[in-house]
Every structure is written in structure tokens, then in C-alpha cells.
PDB file of N, CA and C in Angstrom:
ATOM      1  N   MET A   1    -141.657  19.784  22.496  1.00  0.00           N
ATOM      2  CA  MET A   1    -141.556  20.435  21.650  1.00  0.00           C
ATOM      3  C   MET A   1    -141.348  22.063  21.939  1.00  0.00           C
ATOM      4  N   ALA A   2    -141.301  22.567  20.883  1.00  0.00           N
ATOM      5  CA  ALA A   2    -140.520  24.032  21.110  1.00  0.00           C
ATOM      6  C   ALA A   2    -141.608  25.053  21.341  1.00  0.00           C
ATOM      7  N   ASP A   3    -141.535  25.917  22.298  1.00  0.00           N
ATOM      8  CA  ASP A   3    -142.434  27.285  22.522  1.00  0.00           C
ATOM      9  C   ASP A   3    -142.758  27.969  21.152  1.00  0.00           C
ATOM     10  N   LYS A   4    -144.069  28.340  21.296  1.00  0.00           N
ATOM     11  CA  LYS A   4    -144.095  29.430  19.953  1.00  0.00           C
ATOM     12  C   LYS A   4    -142.965  30.830  19.413  1.00  0.00           C
ATOM     13  N   THR A   5    -141.975  30.871  20.652  1.00  0.00           N
ATOM     14  CA  THR A   5    -141.017  31.617  20.344  1.00  0.00           C
ATOM     15  C   THR A   5    -139.975  31.396  19.674  1.00  0.00           C
ATOM     16  N   ILE A   6    -139.854  30.314  20.212  1.00  0.00           N
ATOM     17  CA  ILE A   6    -138.308  29.134  19.745  1.00  0.00           C
ATOM     18  C   ILE A   6    -139.000  29.273  18.185  1.00  0.00           C
ATOM     19  N   ILE A   7    -139.882  28.290  17.421  1.00  0.00           N
ATOM     20  CA  ILE A   7    -140.842  28.567  16.169  1.00  0.00           C
ATOM     21  C   ILE A   7    -140.668  29.723  15.597  1.00  0.00           C
ATOM     22  N   ALA A   8    -141.366  31.029  16.553  1.00  0.00           N
ATOM     23  CA  ALA A   8    -140.625  32.029  15.331  1.00  0.00           C
ATOM     24  C   ALA A   8    -139.773  32.914  15.423  1.00  0.00           C
ATOM     25  N   LEU A   9    -139.149  32.040  16.282  1.00  0.00           N
ATOM     26  CA  LEU A   9    -137.736  32.690  15.926  1.00  0.00           C
ATOM     27  C   LEU A   9    -136.457  31.502  14.730  1.00  0.00           C
ATOM     28  N   ARG A  10    -137.213  30.259  14.827  1.00  0.00           N
ATOM     29  CA  ARG A  10    -136.419  29.558  13.629  1.00  0.00           C
ATOM     30  C   ARG A  10    -137.226  29.723  12.283  1.00  0.00           C
ATOM     31  N   GLU A  11    -138.432  30.531  11.848  1.00  0.00           N
ATOM     32  CA  GLU A  11    -138.858  30.787  10.935  1.00  0.00           C
ATOM     33  C   GLU A  11    -138.314  32.197  10.755  1.00  0.00           C
ATOM     34  N   ALA A  12    -138.127  33.168  11.728  1.00  0.00           N
ATOM     35  CA  ALA A  12    -137.380  34.293  11.116  1.00  0.00           C
ATOM     36  C   ALA A  12    -135.758  34.067  10.696  1.00  0.00           C
ATOM     37  N   ALA A  13    -135.464  33.267  11.149  1.00  0.00           N
ATOM     38  CA  ALA A  13    -134.165  33.067  10.373  1.00  0.00           C
ATOM     39  C   ALA A  13    -134.127  32.428   9.463  1.00  0.00           C
ATOM     40  N   ALA A  14    -134.905  31.750   9.300  1.00  0.00           N
ATOM     41  CA  ALA A  14    -135.013  30.943   8.017  1.00  0.00           C
ATOM     42  C   ALA A  14    -135.307  31.780   6.510  1.00  0.00           C
ATOM     43  N   ALA A  15    -136.347  32.488   7.102  1.00  0.00           N
ATOM     44  CA  ALA A  15    -136.711  33.735   6.213  1.00  0.00           C
ATOM     45  C   ALA A  15    -135.684  34.558   5.738  1.00  0.00           C
ATOM     46  N   TYR A  16    -134.539  35.020   7.221  1.00  0.00           N
ATOM     47  CA  TYR A  16    -133.731  35.709   6.490  1.00  0.00           C
ATOM     48  C   TYR A  16    -132.896  35.470   5.955  1.00  0.00           C
ATOM     49  N   ALA A  17    -132.000  33.712   5.983  1.00  0.00           N
ATOM     50  CA  ALA A  17    -131.634  33.039   5.321  1.00  0.00           C
ATOM     51  C   ALA A  17    -132.204  33.561   3.690  1.00  0.00           C
ATOM     52  N   GLU A  18    -133.252  33.014   3.662  1.00  0.00           N
ATOM     53  CA  GLU A  18    -133.354  32.680   2.358  1.00  0.00           C
ATOM     54  C   GLU A  18    -133.656  33.984   1.492  1.00  0.00           C
ATOM     55  N   ALA A  19    -133.603  34.951   1.982  1.00  0.00           N
ATOM     56  CA  ALA A  19    -133.648  36.600   1.115  1.00  0.00           C
ATOM     57  C   ALA A  19    -132.218  36.576   1.127  1.00  0.00           C
ATOM     58  N   VAL A  20    -131.107  36.683   2.191  1.00  0.00           N
ATOM     59  CA  VAL A  20    -129.792  36.194   1.426  1.00  0.00           C
ATOM     60  C   VAL A  20    -129.875  35.727   0.450  1.00  0.00           C
ATOM     61  N   ARG A  21    -130.144  34.504   0.261  1.00  0.00           N
ATOM     62  CA  ARG A  21    -129.607  33.934  -0.560  1.00  0.00           C
ATOM     63  C   ARG A  21    -130.205  34.238  -2.072  1.00  0.00           C
ATOM     64  N   THR A  22    -131.582  34.899  -1.459  1.00  0.00           N
ATOM     65  CA  THR A  22    -131.993  35.217  -3.224  1.00  0.00           C
ATOM     66  C   THR A  22    -131.014  35.990  -3.437  1.00  0.00           C
ATOM     67  N   THR A  23    -130.855  36.933  -2.631  1.00  0.00           N
ATOM     68  CA  THR A  23    -130.412  38.425  -3.476  1.00  0.00           C
ATOM     69  C   THR A  23    -128.241  37.299  -4.307  1.00  0.00           C
ATOM     70  N   GLN A  24    -128.107  36.870  -3.592  1.00  0.00           N
ATOM     71  CA  GLN A  24    -126.917  35.595  -3.983  1.00  0.00           C
ATOM     72  C   GLN A  24    -127.224  35.240  -5.112  1.00  0.00           C
ATOM     73  N   ARG A  25    -128.083  34.857  -5.548  1.00  0.00           N
ATOM     74  CA  ARG A  25    -129.049  33.858  -6.607  1.00  0.00           C
ATOM     75  C   ARG A  25    -128.535  35.073  -7.464  1.00  0.00           C
ATOM     76  N   PHE A  26    -129.047  36.090  -7.160  1.00  0.00           N
ATOM     77  CA  PHE A  26    -129.078  37.286  -8.548  1.00  0.00           C
ATOM     78  C   PHE A  26    -128.274  37.774  -8.662  1.00  0.00           C
ATOM     79  N   PHE A  27    -127.072  37.656  -7.772  1.00  0.00           N
ATOM     80  CA  PHE A  27    -125.879  38.223  -8.237  1.00  0.00           C
ATOM     81  C   PHE A  27    -125.170  36.770  -9.378  1.00  0.00           C
ATOM     82  N   ASP A  28    -125.679  35.883  -9.322  1.00  0.00           N
ATOM     83  CA  ASP A  28    -125.161  35.103  -9.733  1.00  0.00           C
ATOM     84  C   ASP A  28    -125.486  34.992 -11.892  1.00  0.00           C
ATOM     85  N   ARG A  29    -126.259  35.338 -11.289  1.00  0.00           N
ATOM     86  CA  ARG A  29    -127.508  35.294 -12.963  1.00  0.00           C
ATOM     87  C   ARG A  29    -127.334  36.913 -13.510  1.00  0.00           C
ATOM     88  N   LEU A  30    -126.653  38.047 -12.855  1.00  0.00           N
ATOM     89  CA  LEU A  30    -126.583  39.478 -12.617  1.00  0.00           C
ATOM     90  C   LEU A  30    -125.364  39.507 -14.237  1.00  0.00           C
ATOM     91  N   GLU A  31    -125.976  39.691 -15.449  1.00  0.00           N
ATOM     92  CA  GLU A  31    -125.149  40.087 -16.881  1.00  0.00           C
ATOM     93  C   GLU A  31    -124.865  40.998 -16.680  1.00  0.00           C
ATOM     94  N   ASP A  32    -125.274  42.287 -16.605  1.00  0.00           N
ATOM     95  CA  ASP A  32    -125.737  43.564 -16.647  1.00  0.00           C
ATOM     96  C   ASP A  32    -125.378  44.731 -15.622  1.00  0.00           C
ATOM     97  N   SER A  33    -124.672  45.142 -14.998  1.00  0.00           N
ATOM     98  CA  SER A  33    -124.642  45.311 -13.334  1.00  0.00           C
ATOM     99  C   SER A  33    -124.943  47.034 -13.744  1.00  0.00           C
ATOM    100  N   ALA A  34    -125.708  47.477 -15.325  1.00  0.00           N
ATOM    101  CA  ALA A  34    -125.810  49.137 -15.413  1.00  0.00           C
ATOM    102  C   ALA A  34    -127.091  48.925 -15.502  1.00  0.00           C
ATOM    103  N   ASP A  35    -127.837  47.472 -16.301  1.00  0.00           N
ATOM    104  CA  ASP A  35    -129.255  47.363 -16.426  1.00  0.00           C
ATOM    105  C   ASP A  35    -130.196  48.311 -15.482  1.00  0.00           C
ATOM    106  N   PRO A  36    -130.982  49.163 -15.625  1.00  0.00           N
ATOM    107  CA  PRO A  36    -132.136  49.694 -14.965  1.00  0.00           C
ATOM    108  C   PRO A  36    -132.584  48.458 -14.144  1.00  0.00           C
ATOM    109  N   SER A  37    -132.892  47.597 -15.219  1.00  0.00           N
ATOM    110  CA  SER A  37    -134.073  46.582 -14.161  1.00  0.00           C
ATOM    111  C   SER A  37    -133.284  45.772 -13.420  1.00  0.00           C
ATOM    112  N   ALA A  38    -132.225  45.783 -13.499  1.00  0.00           N
ATOM    113  CA  ALA A  38    -131.359  45.102 -12.761  1.00  0.00           C
ATOM    114  C   ALA A  38    -131.415  45.698 -11.031  1.00  0.00           C
ATOM    115  N   LEU A  39    -131.040  46.840 -11.124  1.00  0.00           N
ATOM    116  CA  LEU A  39    -130.705  48.148 -10.372  1.00  0.00           C
ATOM    117  C   LEU A  39    -132.090  48.167  -9.444  1.00  0.00           C
ATOM    118  N   VAL A  40    -132.807  48.245  -9.995  1.00  0.00           N
ATOM    119  CA  VAL A  40    -134.535  47.611  -9.807  1.00  0.00           C
ATOM    120  C   VAL A  40    -135.138  46.977  -8.501  1.00  0.00           C
ATOM    121  N   GLU A  41    -134.181  45.456  -9.838  1.00  0.00           N
ATOM    122  CA  GLU A  41    -134.609  44.020  -8.680  1.00  0.00           C
ATOM    123  C   GLU A  41    -133.869  44.065  -7.137  1.00  0.00           C
ATOM    124  N   TYR A  42    -132.367  44.637  -7.814  1.00  0.00           N
ATOM    125  CA  TYR A  42    -131.545  44.364  -6.321  1.00  0.00           C
ATOM    126  C   TYR A  42    -132.096  45.374  -5.289  1.00  0.00           C
ATOM    127  N   ALA A  43    -132.113  46.558  -5.708  1.00  0.00           N
ATOM    128  CA  ALA A  43    -132.824  47.812  -4.710  1.00  0.00           C
ATOM    129  C   ALA A  43    -134.260  46.779  -4.076  1.00  0.00           C
ATOM    130  N   THR A  44    -134.884  45.923  -4.920  1.00  0.00           N
ATOM    131  CA  THR A  44    -136.358  45.548  -4.142  1.00  0.00           C
ATOM    132  C   THR A  44    -135.636  44.448  -3.068  1.00  0.00           C
ATOM    133  N   LEU A  45    -134.764  43.796  -3.496  1.00  0.00           N
ATOM    134  CA  LEU A  45    -134.049  42.327  -2.593  1.00  0.00           C
ATOM    135  C   LEU A  45    -133.571  42.917  -1.364  1.00  0.00           C
ATOM    136  N   VAL A  46    -132.852  43.957  -1.164  1.00  0.00           N
ATOM    137  CA  VAL A  46    -132.311  44.596  -0.625  1.00  0.00           C
ATOM    138  C   VAL A  46    -133.114  45.109   0.587  1.00  0.00           C
ATOM    139  N   GLU A  47    -134.328  45.404   0.241  1.00  0.00           N
ATOM    140  CA  GLU A  47    -135.005  46.124   0.895  1.00  0.00           C
ATOM    141  C   GLU A  47    -135.568  44.861   2.033  1.00  0.00           C
ATOM    142  N   ARG A  48    -136.122  43.756   1.041  1.00  0.00           N
ATOM    143  CA  ARG A  48    -136.826  42.041   1.704  1.00  0.00           C
ATOM    144  C   ARG A  48    -135.550  41.769   2.593  1.00  0.00           C
ATOM    145  N   GLU A  49    -134.464  41.996   2.196  1.00  0.00           N
ATOM    146  CA  GLU A  49    -133.176  41.452   3.114  1.00  0.00           C
ATOM    147  C   GLU A  49    -133.440  42.361   4.248  1.00  0.00           C
ATOM    148  N   LYS A  50    -133.024  43.698   4.608  1.00  0.00           N
ATOM    149  CA  LYS A  50    -133.649  44.509   5.392  1.00  0.00           C
ATOM    150  C   LYS A  50    -134.976  44.029   6.677  1.00  0.00           C
ATOM    151  N   GLU A  51    -136.070  43.659   5.340  1.00  0.00           N
ATOM    152  CA  GLU A  51    -137.420  43.536   6.654  1.00  0.00           C
ATOM    153  C   GLU A  51    -136.733  42.152   7.042  1.00  0.00           C
ATOM    154  N   ALA A  52    -136.696  41.300   6.293  1.00  0.00           N
ATOM    155  CA  ALA A  52    -136.346  39.819   6.825  1.00  0.00           C
ATOM    156  C   ALA A  52    -135.418  40.083   8.241  1.00  0.00           C
ATOM    157  N   GLU A  53    -134.502  40.642   7.829  1.00  0.00           N
ATOM    158  CA  GLU A  53    -133.226  40.958   9.193  1.00  0.00           C
ATOM    159  C   GLU A  53    -134.206  41.651  10.590  1.00  0.00           C
ATOM    160  N   GLN A  54    -134.794  42.363  10.096  1.00  0.00           N
ATOM    161  CA  GLN A  54    -135.516  43.165  11.549  1.00  0.00           C
ATOM    162  C   GLN A  54    -136.302  42.573  11.778  1.00  0.00           C
ATOM    163  N   ALA A  55    -137.167  41.720  11.227  1.00  0.00           N
ATOM    164  CA  ALA A  55    -138.285  40.395  11.761  1.00  0.00           C
ATOM    165  C   ALA A  55    -137.081  39.389  12.622  1.00  0.00           C
ATOM    166  N   ARG A  56    -135.606  39.191  12.012  1.00  0.00           N
ATOM    167  CA  ARG A  56    -135.577  38.083  12.735  1.00  0.00           C
ATOM    168  C   ARG A  56    -135.031  38.452  14.340  1.00  0.00           C
ATOM    169  N   LEU A  57    -133.978  39.827  14.290  1.00  0.00           N
ATOM    170  CA  LEU A  57    -133.989  40.818  15.078  1.00  0.00           C
ATOM    171  C   LEU A  57    -134.816  40.418  16.234  1.00  0.00           C
ATOM    172  N   GLU A  58    -136.437  41.219  15.597  1.00  0.00           N
ATOM    173  CA  GLU A  58    -136.957  41.105  16.627  1.00  0.00           C
ATOM    174  C   GLU A  58    -137.591  39.722  17.385  1.00  0.00           C
ATOM    175  N   ALA A  59    -137.316  38.672  16.932  1.00  0.00           N
ATOM    176  CA  ALA A  59    -137.692  37.766  17.265  1.00  0.00           C
ATOM    177  C   ALA A  59    -136.706  37.176  18.160  1.00  0.00           C
ATOM    178  N   ILE A  60    -135.483  37.299  18.170  1.00  0.00           N
ATOM    179  CA  ILE A  60    -134.065  37.238  18.829  1.00  0.00           C
ATOM    180  C   ILE A  60    -134.499  37.737  20.693  1.00  0.00           C
ATOM    181  N   GLU A  61    -135.378  38.687  20.590  1.00  0.00           N
ATOM    182  CA  GLU A  61    -135.378  39.825  20.864  1.00  0.00           C
ATOM    183  C   GLU A  61    -136.094  39.066  22.204  1.00  0.00           C
ATOM    184  N   ALA A  62    -137.525  38.795  21.220  1.00  0.00           N
ATOM    185  CA  ALA A  62    -138.620  38.422  22.037  1.00  0.00           C
ATOM    186  C   ALA A  62    -138.222  36.995  22.922  1.00  0.00           C
ATOM    187  N   ALA A  63    -137.273  35.955  22.061  1.00  0.00           N
ATOM    188  CA  ALA A  63    -136.896  35.119  22.788  1.00  0.00           C
ATOM    189  C   ALA A  63    -136.044  35.199  23.788  1.00  0.00           C
ATOM    190  N   GLY A  64    -135.091  36.058  24.442  1.00  0.00           N
ATOM    191  CA  GLY A  64    -134.964  36.617  25.402  1.00  0.00           C
ATOM    192  C   GLY A  64    -133.006  36.700  25.338  1.00  0.00           C
ATOM    193  N   PHE A  65    -132.542  36.404  23.763  1.00  0.00           N
ATOM    194  CA  PHE A  65    -131.255  36.342  23.177  1.00  0.00           C
ATOM    195  C   PHE A  65    -130.557  37.926  23.512  1.00  0.00           C
ATOM    196  N   GLU A  66    -129.636  37.610  24.127  1.00  0.00           N
ATOM    197  CA  GLU A  66    -128.743  38.755  25.046  1.00  0.00           C
ATOM    198  C   GLU A  66    -127.335  38.715  24.233  1.00  0.00           C
ATOM    199  N   VAL A  67    -126.763  39.008  23.583  1.00  0.00           N
ATOM    200  CA  VAL A  67    -125.413  39.142  23.130  1.00  0.00           C
ATOM    201  C   VAL A  67    -125.063  40.522  23.715  1.00  0.00           C
ATOM    202  N   PRO A  68    -123.782  40.278  24.298  1.00  0.00           N
ATOM    203  CA  PRO A  68    -122.793  41.753  24.208  1.00  0.00           C
ATOM    204  C   PRO A  68    -121.903  42.221  23.324  1.00  0.00           C
ATOM    205  N   SER A  69    -122.039  43.512  22.941  1.00  0.00           N
ATOM    206  CA  SER A  69    -120.977  44.167  22.029  1.00  0.00           C
ATOM    207  C   SER A  69    -119.610  43.302  21.897  1.00  0.00           C
ATOM    208  N   ILE A  70    -118.899  42.860  21.040  1.00  0.00           N
ATOM    209  CA  ILE A  70    -117.949  42.235  20.168  1.00  0.00           C
ATOM    210  C   ILE A  70    -116.752  43.292  20.081  1.00  0.00           C
ATOM    211  N   ASP A  71    -117.602  44.823  19.698  1.00  0.00           N
ATOM    212  CA  ASP A  71    -117.027  45.914  19.435  1.00  0.00           C
ATOM    213  C   ASP A  71    -116.207  46.688  20.367  1.00  0.00           C
ATOM    214  N   GLU A  72    -114.430  46.581  20.896  1.00  0.00           N
ATOM    215  CA  GLU A  72    -113.706  46.587  21.335  1.00  0.00           C
ATOM    216  C   GLU A  72    -113.726  48.640  21.584  1.00  0.00           C
ATOM    217  N   SER A  73    -114.720  48.851  20.635  1.00  0.00           N
ATOM    218  CA  SER A  73    -114.856  50.990  21.116  1.00  0.00           C
ATOM    219  C   SER A  73    -115.977  50.576  21.989  1.00  0.00           C
ATOM    220  N   ASP A  74    -116.478  50.056  22.141  1.00  0.00           N
ATOM    221  CA  ASP A  74    -117.809  49.693  23.281  1.00  0.00           C
ATOM    222  C   ASP A  74    -117.391  50.071  24.320  1.00  0.00           C
ATOM    223  N   PRO A  75    -117.427  51.522  24.956  1.00  0.00           N
ATOM    224  CA  PRO A  75    -117.042  51.374  26.240  1.00  0.00           C
ATOM    225  C   PRO A  75    -117.865  50.783  27.721  1.00  0.00           C
ATOM    226  N   ASP A  76    -118.957  49.553  27.197  1.00  0.00           N
ATOM    227  CA  ASP A  76    -119.404  49.169  28.419  1.00  0.00           C
ATOM    228  C   ASP A  76    -119.067  47.194  28.146  1.00  0.00           C
ATOM    229  N   ASN A  77    -118.361  47.201  27.081  1.00  0.00           N
ATOM    230  CA  ASN A  77    -117.885  45.707  26.750  1.00  0.00           C
ATOM    231  C   ASN A  77    -116.190  45.456  27.376  1.00  0.00           C
TER     232      ASN A  77
END
């Protein structure tokens, strides 16, 4: 059985993936991008994605995963 850190990582990754899918479904049904209620809904979805992403990144860090930057402009790379 996986330890609590790995379970938390899996759950955080799943929550982030679901947040992204929810935003994608929003765009699937979007009819009027100028509709104020659509803009409010989109802003809410973006905030949920950001929160889920942050939780995922924290879980990754807690699990000890580190990946060096692949950005060629990074002098430490």
C-alpha cells in the first residue's frame, strides 16, 4: 500500500485534472463569450484551477519530487 504522501499526491493530481476538465466542459458549452455570467463562471473556474494546481505542486514537493528546469535560459540548467 502506498504511503500517505503518495496517496495525497494522487488525490491532488486527480483534483487538478478534474478542475481542468471542468473548465474544458465549460468551453464545450459556451455560447456567448460576452455574457457577464459566463465571465463570472470562467473566473471562478480559473481560481479553482489555480488552487488545485497549488495543492498539486505542494503534494509533489512533499513527496520529494524535484525536476530540474528545462528552460534553456536558466543558468543553473
